[in-house]
N, C-alpha and C. Protein backbone atom coordinates (compact mmCIF):
# COMPACT_ATOMS: atom_id res chain seq x y z
N UNK A 1 83.40 162.39 131.12
CA UNK A 1 84.27 161.33 131.65
C UNK A 1 84.95 160.62 130.49
N UNK A 2 86.26 160.71 130.44
CA UNK A 2 86.96 160.11 129.32
C UNK A 2 86.98 158.59 129.43
N UNK A 3 87.01 157.93 128.26
CA UNK A 3 87.01 156.48 128.23
C UNK A 3 87.43 155.99 126.86
N UNK A 4 87.59 154.67 126.75
CA UNK A 4 88.01 154.07 125.49
C UNK A 4 87.60 152.59 125.50
N UNK A 5 87.35 152.06 124.32
CA UNK A 5 87.00 150.65 124.15
C UNK A 5 88.21 149.86 123.72
N UNK A 6 88.23 148.57 124.08
CA UNK A 6 89.35 147.72 123.69
C UNK A 6 89.05 146.27 123.97
N UNK A 7 90.10 145.47 123.90
CA UNK A 7 89.98 144.04 124.16
C UNK A 7 91.05 143.60 125.15
N UNK A 8 90.70 142.61 125.94
CA UNK A 8 91.64 142.04 126.90
C UNK A 8 92.64 141.15 126.16
N UNK A 9 93.93 141.35 126.42
CA UNK A 9 94.98 140.55 125.78
C UNK A 9 95.42 139.41 126.68
N UNK A 10 95.70 139.71 127.94
CA UNK A 10 96.16 138.68 128.89
C UNK A 10 96.91 139.33 130.03
N UNK A 11 97.46 138.49 130.91
CA UNK A 11 98.16 138.99 132.09
C UNK A 11 99.66 138.74 131.97
N UNK A 12 100.42 139.63 132.61
CA UNK A 12 101.86 139.49 132.66
C UNK A 12 102.36 140.26 133.90
N UNK A 13 103.67 140.49 133.97
CA UNK A 13 104.25 141.24 135.08
C UNK A 13 105.02 142.44 134.56
N UNK A 14 105.02 143.49 135.36
CA UNK A 14 105.77 144.71 135.03
C UNK A 14 106.60 145.09 136.25
N UNK A 15 107.86 145.45 135.99
CA UNK A 15 108.75 145.90 137.07
C UNK A 15 108.76 147.42 137.07
N UNK A 16 108.34 148.01 138.18
CA UNK A 16 108.32 149.46 138.30
C UNK A 16 109.73 150.01 138.51
N UNK A 17 109.84 151.33 138.47
CA UNK A 17 111.14 151.98 138.62
C UNK A 17 111.76 151.70 139.98
N UNK A 18 110.93 151.49 141.01
CA UNK A 18 111.45 151.23 142.36
C UNK A 18 111.75 149.75 142.59
N UNK A 19 111.61 148.93 141.55
CA UNK A 19 111.91 147.51 141.66
C UNK A 19 110.73 146.64 142.03
N UNK A 20 109.58 147.23 142.29
CA UNK A 20 108.40 146.45 142.65
C UNK A 20 107.86 145.72 141.43
N UNK A 21 107.54 144.44 141.61
CA UNK A 21 106.96 143.64 140.54
C UNK A 21 105.45 143.58 140.75
N UNK A 22 104.69 144.01 139.75
CA UNK A 22 103.23 144.04 139.86
C UNK A 22 102.62 143.20 138.75
N UNK A 23 101.53 142.53 139.08
CA UNK A 23 100.77 141.78 138.09
C UNK A 23 99.86 142.73 137.34
N UNK A 24 99.89 142.68 136.02
CA UNK A 24 99.09 143.60 135.21
C UNK A 24 98.31 142.82 134.15
N UNK A 25 97.21 143.41 133.74
CA UNK A 25 96.45 142.92 132.59
C UNK A 25 96.68 143.86 131.43
N UNK A 26 97.07 143.31 130.29
CA UNK A 26 97.33 144.11 129.09
C UNK A 26 96.05 144.23 128.29
N UNK A 27 95.72 145.45 127.90
CA UNK A 27 94.53 145.72 127.11
C UNK A 27 94.92 146.37 125.80
N UNK A 28 94.36 145.85 124.71
CA UNK A 28 94.54 146.47 123.40
C UNK A 28 93.36 147.42 123.18
N UNK A 29 93.61 148.72 123.25
CA UNK A 29 92.54 149.71 123.22
C UNK A 29 92.65 150.60 121.99
N UNK A 30 91.48 150.97 121.45
CA UNK A 30 91.42 151.90 120.34
C UNK A 30 92.13 151.41 119.09
N UNK A 31 92.24 152.28 118.09
CA UNK A 31 91.65 153.62 118.09
C UNK A 31 90.13 153.57 118.03
N UNK A 32 89.50 154.49 118.78
CA UNK A 32 88.05 154.61 118.79
C UNK A 32 87.64 155.90 118.06
N UNK A 33 86.46 155.87 117.48
CA UNK A 33 85.93 157.03 116.77
C UNK A 33 84.70 157.57 117.49
N UNK A 34 84.60 158.87 117.56
CA UNK A 34 83.40 159.50 118.09
C UNK A 34 82.34 159.45 117.01
N UNK A 35 81.29 158.67 117.23
CA UNK A 35 80.25 158.48 116.22
C UNK A 35 79.02 159.35 116.46
N UNK A 36 78.89 159.89 117.68
CA UNK A 36 77.74 160.74 117.97
C UNK A 36 78.00 161.52 119.24
N UNK A 37 77.55 162.76 119.28
CA UNK A 37 77.65 163.60 120.47
C UNK A 37 76.24 164.01 120.87
N UNK A 38 75.84 163.67 122.08
CA UNK A 38 74.51 164.00 122.57
C UNK A 38 74.59 165.26 123.44
N UNK A 39 73.62 166.14 123.27
CA UNK A 39 73.59 167.41 123.99
C UNK A 39 72.29 167.54 124.77
N UNK A 40 72.30 168.33 125.86
CA UNK A 40 71.06 168.52 126.63
C UNK A 40 69.95 169.17 125.81
N UNK A 41 70.31 170.06 124.87
CA UNK A 41 69.29 170.74 124.08
C UNK A 41 68.54 169.77 123.16
N UNK A 42 69.27 168.81 122.59
CA UNK A 42 68.66 167.90 121.63
C UNK A 42 68.20 166.58 122.25
N UNK A 43 69.01 166.04 123.19
CA UNK A 43 68.75 164.70 123.72
C UNK A 43 68.37 164.68 125.19
N UNK A 44 68.54 165.81 125.88
CA UNK A 44 68.18 165.86 127.28
C UNK A 44 69.31 165.47 128.22
N UNK A 45 70.45 165.08 127.70
CA UNK A 45 71.62 164.75 128.52
C UNK A 45 72.87 164.91 127.68
N UNK A 46 74.02 164.88 128.36
CA UNK A 46 75.30 165.11 127.69
C UNK A 46 76.09 163.80 127.67
N UNK A 47 76.42 163.32 126.48
CA UNK A 47 77.15 162.06 126.35
C UNK A 47 77.85 162.01 125.00
N UNK A 48 78.73 161.04 124.87
CA UNK A 48 79.45 160.81 123.62
C UNK A 48 79.38 159.32 123.31
N UNK A 49 79.18 158.99 122.04
CA UNK A 49 79.12 157.61 121.61
C UNK A 49 80.43 157.25 120.91
N UNK A 50 81.06 156.15 121.36
CA UNK A 50 82.32 155.70 120.80
C UNK A 50 82.12 154.43 119.98
N UNK A 51 82.85 154.32 118.87
CA UNK A 51 82.83 153.13 118.04
C UNK A 51 84.21 152.50 117.99
N UNK A 52 84.23 151.16 117.93
CA UNK A 52 85.50 150.44 118.00
C UNK A 52 85.46 149.22 117.11
N UNK A 53 86.59 148.87 116.54
CA UNK A 53 86.86 147.68 115.75
C UNK A 53 86.16 147.72 114.38
N UNK A 54 86.90 148.08 113.33
CA UNK A 54 86.34 148.06 111.96
C UNK A 54 85.78 146.69 111.60
N UNK A 55 84.69 146.69 110.86
CA UNK A 55 84.01 145.45 110.50
C UNK A 55 83.47 145.55 109.09
N UNK A 56 83.04 144.40 108.53
CA UNK A 56 82.46 144.36 107.20
C UNK A 56 81.00 144.80 107.24
N UNK A 57 80.54 145.31 106.11
CA UNK A 57 79.16 145.80 106.04
C UNK A 57 78.15 144.70 106.27
N UNK A 58 78.46 143.48 105.84
CA UNK A 58 77.50 142.38 105.98
C UNK A 58 77.25 141.99 107.43
N UNK A 59 78.13 142.41 108.35
CA UNK A 59 77.97 142.07 109.75
C UNK A 59 77.17 143.13 110.52
N UNK A 60 76.77 144.20 109.84
CA UNK A 60 76.02 145.28 110.49
C UNK A 60 74.64 145.39 109.88
N UNK A 61 73.70 145.88 110.68
CA UNK A 61 72.36 146.10 110.17
C UNK A 61 72.32 147.34 109.29
N UNK A 62 71.24 147.49 108.55
CA UNK A 62 71.10 148.64 107.67
C UNK A 62 71.08 149.94 108.48
N UNK A 63 70.42 149.92 109.64
CA UNK A 63 70.39 151.10 110.50
C UNK A 63 71.76 151.46 111.03
N UNK A 64 72.53 150.46 111.43
CA UNK A 64 73.89 150.72 111.93
C UNK A 64 74.77 151.30 110.83
N UNK A 65 74.67 150.74 109.64
CA UNK A 65 75.48 151.25 108.53
C UNK A 65 75.12 152.70 108.21
N UNK A 66 73.81 153.00 108.18
CA UNK A 66 73.39 154.36 107.89
C UNK A 66 73.85 155.34 108.96
N UNK A 67 73.79 154.92 110.22
CA UNK A 67 74.23 155.79 111.32
C UNK A 67 75.71 156.12 111.20
N UNK A 68 76.54 155.11 110.91
CA UNK A 68 77.98 155.32 110.84
C UNK A 68 78.37 156.10 109.58
N UNK A 69 77.71 155.81 108.47
CA UNK A 69 78.01 156.55 107.24
C UNK A 69 77.62 158.02 107.38
N UNK A 70 76.53 158.31 108.07
CA UNK A 70 76.12 159.68 108.33
C UNK A 70 77.15 160.41 109.20
N UNK A 71 77.80 159.67 110.10
CA UNK A 71 78.81 160.28 110.97
C UNK A 71 80.15 160.43 110.27
N UNK A 72 80.32 159.81 109.10
CA UNK A 72 81.58 159.94 108.37
C UNK A 72 82.73 159.16 108.96
N UNK A 73 82.42 158.05 109.65
CA UNK A 73 83.47 157.21 110.25
C UNK A 73 83.43 155.84 109.59
N UNK A 74 84.47 155.02 109.76
CA UNK A 74 84.44 153.66 109.19
C UNK A 74 83.34 152.82 109.82
N UNK A 75 82.99 151.72 109.17
CA UNK A 75 82.02 150.78 109.73
C UNK A 75 82.65 150.11 110.94
N UNK A 76 81.98 150.21 112.08
CA UNK A 76 82.53 149.74 113.35
C UNK A 76 81.59 148.73 113.99
N UNK A 77 82.19 147.75 114.66
CA UNK A 77 81.41 146.64 115.21
C UNK A 77 80.77 146.98 116.54
N UNK A 78 81.47 147.71 117.41
CA UNK A 78 80.99 147.96 118.77
C UNK A 78 80.72 149.45 118.97
N UNK A 79 79.59 149.77 119.57
CA UNK A 79 79.23 151.14 119.92
C UNK A 79 78.87 151.20 121.40
N UNK A 80 79.45 152.16 122.09
CA UNK A 80 79.15 152.35 123.51
C UNK A 80 79.03 153.84 123.79
N UNK A 81 78.22 154.17 124.81
CA UNK A 81 77.98 155.57 125.14
C UNK A 81 78.52 155.89 126.52
N UNK A 82 79.12 157.08 126.65
CA UNK A 82 79.69 157.54 127.91
C UNK A 82 79.14 158.93 128.24
N UNK A 83 78.73 159.11 129.48
CA UNK A 83 78.35 160.45 129.93
C UNK A 83 79.60 161.33 130.03
N UNK A 84 79.47 162.61 129.69
CA UNK A 84 80.60 163.53 129.75
C UNK A 84 80.19 164.77 130.54
N UNK A 85 81.21 165.49 131.02
CA UNK A 85 80.97 166.72 131.77
C UNK A 85 80.78 167.89 130.80
N UNK A 86 80.33 168.98 131.36
CA UNK A 86 80.06 170.17 130.54
C UNK A 86 81.34 170.74 129.95
N UNK A 87 82.47 170.61 130.66
CA UNK A 87 83.73 171.18 130.17
C UNK A 87 84.44 170.28 129.17
N UNK A 88 83.93 169.07 128.91
CA UNK A 88 84.55 168.17 127.95
C UNK A 88 83.94 168.38 126.58
N UNK A 89 84.80 168.53 125.58
CA UNK A 89 84.34 168.81 124.23
C UNK A 89 84.80 167.70 123.28
N UNK A 90 83.85 167.17 122.50
CA UNK A 90 84.15 166.14 121.50
C UNK A 90 83.49 166.53 120.18
N UNK A 91 84.07 166.05 119.09
CA UNK A 91 83.51 166.27 117.76
C UNK A 91 83.32 164.94 117.07
N UNK A 92 82.27 164.83 116.26
CA UNK A 92 82.02 163.61 115.51
C UNK A 92 83.18 163.36 114.54
N UNK A 93 83.69 162.13 114.53
CA UNK A 93 84.83 161.78 113.70
C UNK A 93 86.15 161.85 114.43
N UNK A 94 86.16 162.40 115.65
CA UNK A 94 87.40 162.50 116.43
C UNK A 94 87.91 161.12 116.79
N UNK A 95 89.24 160.94 116.72
CA UNK A 95 89.86 159.65 117.02
C UNK A 95 90.44 159.69 118.42
N UNK A 96 90.13 158.66 119.22
CA UNK A 96 90.63 158.56 120.59
C UNK A 96 91.55 157.35 120.68
N UNK A 97 92.76 157.56 121.19
CA UNK A 97 93.76 156.50 121.27
C UNK A 97 94.15 156.23 122.71
N UNK A 98 95.10 155.33 122.89
CA UNK A 98 95.49 154.90 124.23
C UNK A 98 96.05 156.03 125.08
N UNK A 99 96.62 157.06 124.44
CA UNK A 99 97.23 158.15 125.22
C UNK A 99 96.19 159.06 125.88
N UNK A 100 94.90 158.70 125.78
CA UNK A 100 93.90 159.46 126.53
C UNK A 100 94.11 159.27 128.03
N UNK A 101 94.76 158.16 128.42
CA UNK A 101 95.11 157.91 129.82
C UNK A 101 96.62 158.03 130.01
N UNK A 102 97.03 158.23 131.25
CA UNK A 102 98.44 158.36 131.60
C UNK A 102 98.76 157.43 132.76
N UNK A 103 100.01 156.96 132.86
CA UNK A 103 100.39 156.11 133.99
C UNK A 103 100.10 156.79 135.32
N UNK A 104 99.56 156.02 136.26
CA UNK A 104 99.22 156.55 137.57
C UNK A 104 97.75 156.91 137.73
N UNK A 105 97.03 157.06 136.63
CA UNK A 105 95.60 157.35 136.73
C UNK A 105 94.83 156.12 137.21
N UNK A 106 93.67 156.36 137.78
CA UNK A 106 92.81 155.28 138.24
C UNK A 106 91.63 155.14 137.29
N UNK A 107 91.33 153.90 136.93
CA UNK A 107 90.28 153.65 135.95
C UNK A 107 89.36 152.53 136.43
N UNK A 108 88.16 152.49 135.85
CA UNK A 108 87.24 151.36 135.99
C UNK A 108 87.25 150.59 134.67
N UNK A 109 87.37 149.28 134.74
CA UNK A 109 87.36 148.44 133.55
C UNK A 109 86.11 147.55 133.60
N UNK A 110 85.27 147.69 132.60
CA UNK A 110 83.99 146.97 132.54
C UNK A 110 84.06 145.91 131.46
N UNK A 111 83.69 144.69 131.81
CA UNK A 111 83.69 143.59 130.85
C UNK A 111 82.60 142.59 131.19
N UNK A 112 82.52 141.54 130.39
CA UNK A 112 81.55 140.46 130.61
C UNK A 112 82.30 139.24 131.14
N UNK A 113 81.90 138.78 132.31
CA UNK A 113 82.61 137.67 132.94
C UNK A 113 82.45 136.38 132.14
N UNK A 114 83.34 135.43 132.37
CA UNK A 114 83.28 134.14 131.68
C UNK A 114 82.01 133.39 132.07
N UNK A 115 81.35 132.80 131.11
CA UNK A 115 80.17 132.02 131.37
C UNK A 115 80.53 130.64 131.91
N UNK A 116 79.89 130.23 133.00
CA UNK A 116 80.17 128.94 133.63
C UNK A 116 79.01 127.95 133.48
N UNK A 117 77.97 128.37 132.77
CA UNK A 117 76.83 127.47 132.60
C UNK A 117 76.02 127.34 133.88
N UNK A 118 75.26 126.24 133.98
CA UNK A 118 74.44 125.99 135.17
C UNK A 118 75.35 125.48 136.28
N UNK A 119 75.30 126.11 137.44
CA UNK A 119 76.17 125.75 138.55
C UNK A 119 75.36 125.62 139.83
N UNK A 120 75.84 124.78 140.71
CA UNK A 120 75.20 124.60 142.01
C UNK A 120 75.62 125.66 143.00
N UNK A 121 75.08 125.57 144.22
CA UNK A 121 75.32 126.62 145.20
C UNK A 121 76.75 126.61 145.74
N UNK A 122 77.41 125.45 145.72
CA UNK A 122 78.78 125.39 146.22
C UNK A 122 79.71 126.17 145.30
N UNK A 123 79.57 125.98 144.00
CA UNK A 123 80.41 126.69 143.04
C UNK A 123 79.95 128.12 142.83
N UNK A 124 78.64 128.32 142.78
CA UNK A 124 78.10 129.63 142.43
C UNK A 124 78.17 130.62 143.58
N UNK A 125 77.90 130.16 144.82
CA UNK A 125 77.83 131.05 145.96
C UNK A 125 78.83 130.72 147.07
N UNK A 126 79.62 129.66 146.89
CA UNK A 126 80.62 129.33 147.89
C UNK A 126 80.06 128.69 149.14
N UNK A 127 78.89 128.06 149.07
CA UNK A 127 78.33 127.39 150.25
C UNK A 127 79.15 126.15 150.61
N UNK A 128 79.07 125.77 151.88
CA UNK A 128 79.90 124.67 152.36
C UNK A 128 79.33 123.30 152.13
N UNK A 129 78.04 123.20 151.81
CA UNK A 129 77.44 121.89 151.64
C UNK A 129 77.05 121.28 152.97
N UNK A 130 76.42 120.09 152.90
CA UNK A 130 75.97 119.42 154.11
C UNK A 130 77.02 118.48 154.67
N UNK A 131 76.72 117.88 155.82
CA UNK A 131 77.67 116.94 156.42
C UNK A 131 77.78 115.66 155.60
N UNK A 132 78.90 114.96 155.76
CA UNK A 132 79.16 113.74 155.00
C UNK A 132 78.83 112.48 155.81
N UNK A 133 78.26 112.65 156.98
CA UNK A 133 78.01 111.50 157.85
C UNK A 133 76.54 111.46 158.27
N UNK A 134 76.22 110.57 159.22
CA UNK A 134 74.88 110.44 159.81
C UNK A 134 73.84 110.09 158.74
N UNK A 135 74.20 109.18 157.87
CA UNK A 135 73.23 108.66 156.93
C UNK A 135 73.02 109.47 155.67
N UNK A 136 73.67 110.62 155.56
CA UNK A 136 73.49 111.44 154.36
C UNK A 136 74.39 110.92 153.24
N UNK A 137 73.81 110.64 152.10
CA UNK A 137 74.61 110.10 151.01
C UNK A 137 74.47 110.87 149.72
N UNK A 138 73.47 111.75 149.59
CA UNK A 138 73.24 112.43 148.32
C UNK A 138 72.93 113.92 148.50
N UNK A 139 73.41 114.53 149.59
CA UNK A 139 73.13 115.95 149.82
C UNK A 139 74.38 116.76 150.14
N UNK A 140 75.57 116.23 149.82
CA UNK A 140 76.79 116.93 150.21
C UNK A 140 76.90 118.33 149.59
N UNK A 141 76.44 118.48 148.34
CA UNK A 141 76.60 119.76 147.65
C UNK A 141 75.25 120.43 147.39
N UNK A 142 74.23 120.05 148.11
CA UNK A 142 72.91 120.65 147.93
C UNK A 142 72.74 121.86 148.85
N UNK A 143 71.78 122.72 148.48
CA UNK A 143 71.45 123.86 149.33
C UNK A 143 70.68 123.35 150.54
N UNK A 144 70.82 124.04 151.68
CA UNK A 144 70.14 123.64 152.89
C UNK A 144 68.74 124.22 152.97
N UNK A 145 68.34 124.67 154.15
CA UNK A 145 67.02 125.24 154.33
C UNK A 145 66.90 126.54 153.54
N UNK A 146 65.84 126.69 152.77
CA UNK A 146 65.68 127.87 151.91
C UNK A 146 64.42 128.65 152.24
N UNK A 147 63.62 128.23 153.21
CA UNK A 147 62.41 128.97 153.53
C UNK A 147 61.93 128.64 154.92
N UNK A 148 61.00 129.43 155.38
CA UNK A 148 60.42 129.22 156.71
C UNK A 148 59.15 128.40 156.59
N UNK A 149 58.53 128.09 157.73
CA UNK A 149 57.32 127.27 157.74
C UNK A 149 56.07 128.10 157.53
N UNK A 150 55.37 128.39 158.65
CA UNK A 150 54.09 129.09 158.53
C UNK A 150 54.27 130.56 158.16
N UNK A 151 55.40 131.16 158.53
CA UNK A 151 55.61 132.57 158.22
C UNK A 151 57.02 132.75 157.67
N UNK A 152 57.22 133.20 156.45
CA UNK A 152 56.19 133.71 155.53
C UNK A 152 55.51 132.61 154.70
N UNK A 153 55.94 131.36 154.84
CA UNK A 153 55.29 130.29 154.10
C UNK A 153 55.73 130.17 152.65
N UNK A 154 56.76 130.86 152.29
CA UNK A 154 57.29 130.75 150.92
C UNK A 154 58.77 131.09 150.95
N UNK A 155 59.46 130.89 149.84
CA UNK A 155 60.90 131.18 149.75
C UNK A 155 61.09 132.67 149.51
N UNK A 156 61.99 133.27 150.25
CA UNK A 156 62.28 134.70 150.08
C UNK A 156 62.85 134.95 148.69
N UNK A 157 62.51 136.09 148.15
CA UNK A 157 63.04 136.51 146.86
C UNK A 157 64.55 136.73 146.97
N UNK A 158 65.28 136.42 145.89
CA UNK A 158 66.75 136.59 145.81
C UNK A 158 67.51 135.63 146.71
N UNK A 159 66.90 134.53 147.12
CA UNK A 159 67.64 133.54 147.88
C UNK A 159 68.71 132.90 147.01
N UNK A 160 69.84 132.56 147.60
CA UNK A 160 70.94 131.94 146.86
C UNK A 160 70.54 130.52 146.44
N UNK A 161 70.47 130.32 145.14
CA UNK A 161 70.00 129.05 144.60
C UNK A 161 70.90 128.63 143.45
N UNK A 162 70.81 127.38 143.00
CA UNK A 162 71.54 127.00 141.78
C UNK A 162 71.00 127.78 140.59
N UNK A 163 71.83 127.93 139.56
CA UNK A 163 71.38 128.66 138.37
C UNK A 163 72.53 129.01 137.46
N UNK A 164 72.23 129.84 136.47
CA UNK A 164 73.25 130.23 135.49
C UNK A 164 74.32 131.08 136.17
N UNK A 165 75.58 130.76 135.92
CA UNK A 165 76.69 131.45 136.56
C UNK A 165 77.55 132.12 135.51
N UNK A 166 77.94 133.37 135.78
CA UNK A 166 78.82 134.10 134.88
C UNK A 166 78.08 134.73 133.72
N UNK A 167 78.84 135.18 132.70
CA UNK A 167 78.30 135.83 131.51
C UNK A 167 77.47 137.05 131.89
N UNK A 168 77.98 137.87 132.82
CA UNK A 168 77.27 139.07 133.24
C UNK A 168 78.25 140.23 133.34
N UNK A 169 77.72 141.42 133.33
CA UNK A 169 78.53 142.63 133.36
C UNK A 169 79.22 142.76 134.72
N UNK A 170 80.55 142.93 134.68
CA UNK A 170 81.34 143.04 135.90
C UNK A 170 82.29 144.24 135.74
N UNK A 171 82.48 144.98 136.82
CA UNK A 171 83.37 146.14 136.80
C UNK A 171 84.50 145.97 137.81
N UNK A 172 85.74 146.09 137.34
CA UNK A 172 86.90 146.17 138.22
C UNK A 172 87.13 147.65 138.52
N UNK A 173 86.91 148.04 139.76
CA UNK A 173 86.89 149.46 140.09
C UNK A 173 88.23 149.96 140.60
N UNK A 174 88.52 151.20 140.21
CA UNK A 174 89.62 151.97 140.81
C UNK A 174 90.96 151.26 140.73
N UNK A 175 91.33 150.75 139.55
CA UNK A 175 92.62 150.10 139.37
C UNK A 175 93.58 151.05 138.64
N UNK A 176 94.85 150.89 138.92
CA UNK A 176 95.86 151.84 138.45
C UNK A 176 96.34 151.51 137.04
N UNK A 177 96.52 152.54 136.24
CA UNK A 177 97.15 152.39 134.93
C UNK A 177 98.67 152.38 135.16
N UNK A 178 99.30 151.26 134.83
CA UNK A 178 100.74 151.11 135.08
C UNK A 178 101.57 151.51 133.87
N UNK A 179 101.07 151.19 132.67
CA UNK A 179 101.86 151.40 131.46
C UNK A 179 100.93 151.85 130.33
N UNK A 180 101.41 152.81 129.51
CA UNK A 180 100.69 153.28 128.34
C UNK A 180 101.63 153.22 127.15
N UNK A 181 101.22 152.53 126.08
CA UNK A 181 102.01 152.41 124.85
C UNK A 181 101.17 152.90 123.68
N UNK A 182 101.21 154.22 123.37
CA UNK A 182 100.36 154.76 122.30
C UNK A 182 100.69 154.20 120.92
N UNK A 183 101.94 153.85 120.68
CA UNK A 183 102.32 153.36 119.36
C UNK A 183 101.66 152.03 119.04
N UNK A 184 101.51 151.16 120.05
CA UNK A 184 100.90 149.85 119.84
C UNK A 184 99.48 149.78 120.39
N UNK A 185 98.95 150.93 120.85
CA UNK A 185 97.59 151.01 121.40
C UNK A 185 97.39 150.02 122.54
N UNK A 186 98.30 150.05 123.52
CA UNK A 186 98.24 149.12 124.64
C UNK A 186 98.15 149.88 125.96
N UNK A 187 97.36 149.33 126.88
CA UNK A 187 97.33 149.78 128.27
C UNK A 187 97.62 148.58 129.15
N UNK A 188 98.33 148.82 130.24
CA UNK A 188 98.55 147.78 131.25
C UNK A 188 98.02 148.31 132.57
N UNK A 189 97.05 147.58 133.15
CA UNK A 189 96.43 148.00 134.40
C UNK A 189 96.75 147.00 135.49
N UNK A 190 96.89 147.50 136.70
CA UNK A 190 97.28 146.67 137.84
C UNK A 190 96.11 145.77 138.26
N UNK A 191 96.34 144.45 138.25
CA UNK A 191 95.32 143.53 138.72
C UNK A 191 94.57 142.85 137.59
N UNK A 192 93.49 142.18 137.97
CA UNK A 192 92.72 141.38 137.02
C UNK A 192 91.59 142.19 136.41
N UNK A 193 91.13 141.70 135.27
CA UNK A 193 90.05 142.34 134.51
C UNK A 193 89.04 141.25 134.15
N UNK A 194 87.75 141.52 134.27
CA UNK A 194 86.75 140.48 133.98
C UNK A 194 86.75 140.06 132.52
N UNK A 195 86.39 138.79 132.28
CA UNK A 195 86.21 138.30 130.92
C UNK A 195 87.38 137.48 130.42
N UNK A 196 87.19 136.78 129.30
CA UNK A 196 88.27 135.99 128.70
C UNK A 196 89.21 136.84 127.89
N UNK A 197 90.36 136.28 127.53
CA UNK A 197 91.25 136.97 126.61
C UNK A 197 90.52 137.18 125.28
N UNK A 198 90.60 138.37 124.75
CA UNK A 198 89.88 138.71 123.54
C UNK A 198 88.50 139.30 123.78
N UNK A 199 88.07 139.35 125.05
CA UNK A 199 86.76 139.90 125.37
C UNK A 199 86.75 141.42 125.32
N UNK A 200 85.62 141.99 124.95
CA UNK A 200 85.47 143.44 124.86
C UNK A 200 85.45 144.07 126.25
N UNK A 201 86.15 145.19 126.41
CA UNK A 201 86.18 145.92 127.68
C UNK A 201 86.00 147.41 127.42
N UNK A 202 85.44 148.07 128.40
CA UNK A 202 85.31 149.53 128.38
C UNK A 202 86.15 150.08 129.53
N UNK A 203 87.10 150.95 129.20
CA UNK A 203 87.97 151.56 130.21
C UNK A 203 87.57 153.02 130.34
N UNK A 204 87.24 153.42 131.56
CA UNK A 204 86.88 154.82 131.79
C UNK A 204 87.44 155.28 133.13
N UNK A 205 87.50 156.59 133.29
CA UNK A 205 88.06 157.17 134.50
C UNK A 205 87.27 156.69 135.72
N UNK A 206 87.99 156.33 136.78
CA UNK A 206 87.35 155.75 137.96
C UNK A 206 86.38 156.75 138.60
N UNK A 207 85.22 156.24 138.99
CA UNK A 207 84.21 157.07 139.64
C UNK A 207 84.48 157.21 141.14
N UNK A 208 85.14 156.21 141.74
CA UNK A 208 85.40 156.21 143.18
C UNK A 208 86.89 156.35 143.41
N UNK A 209 87.40 157.56 143.26
CA UNK A 209 88.82 157.80 143.44
C UNK A 209 89.17 157.69 144.93
N UNK A 210 90.29 157.03 145.22
CA UNK A 210 90.76 156.94 146.59
C UNK A 210 91.28 158.30 147.07
N UNK A 211 90.89 158.65 148.29
CA UNK A 211 91.31 159.93 148.85
C UNK A 211 92.55 159.71 149.71
N UNK A 212 93.56 160.55 149.56
CA UNK A 212 94.78 160.43 150.34
C UNK A 212 94.49 160.64 151.82
N UNK A 213 95.32 160.06 152.67
CA UNK A 213 95.14 160.19 154.11
C UNK A 213 95.21 161.67 154.51
N UNK A 214 94.23 162.07 155.31
CA UNK A 214 94.16 163.46 155.72
C UNK A 214 93.38 164.32 154.76
N UNK A 215 93.03 163.77 153.60
CA UNK A 215 92.26 164.55 152.62
C UNK A 215 90.79 164.54 152.94
N UNK A 216 90.06 165.38 152.21
CA UNK A 216 88.62 165.50 152.43
C UNK A 216 87.89 165.03 151.18
């Protein structure tokens, strides 16, 4: 499964050839280096490890530096692994750029959502809160009933409660690649992408491709 690492730049608009105006997120992707190729004979599965964003030696551990120097690639800050098919061939040191994708393809974009800190149930889960009348003065944004009485006698696991919000792995699935600019290493994808501007993203071929009407 082909993929590439990059960073979120921001959102803008693109006018298609038919005059349609679409909202897109611009991603600065690659160049990425193949730092390791895993095989079923040696590792038990088939995958490729990609490295992105050159960095200084002082920002990497001794193990990371040794791994990258052994692969013959520059010192890179981010490493991610992708499963690949049997018919896909990669070599250590190979450079992957934005032209790995083409306009019209469908991709999944994985990023880390913005951290919102500790949040209540109204903000975190969209609950409506309690009534504002009948003597209630301090429960408008509190959670309501969260457990039963004698049975089961405790709060169910995974109940919606206040807690840390955001800063978690989020995937925007099956979004269209609208524009590819290999010279500037840019991709523009239709719609929003998780995370702040400048956040690391992984772009890979969509796993849930939409099937055309009448197709199987």
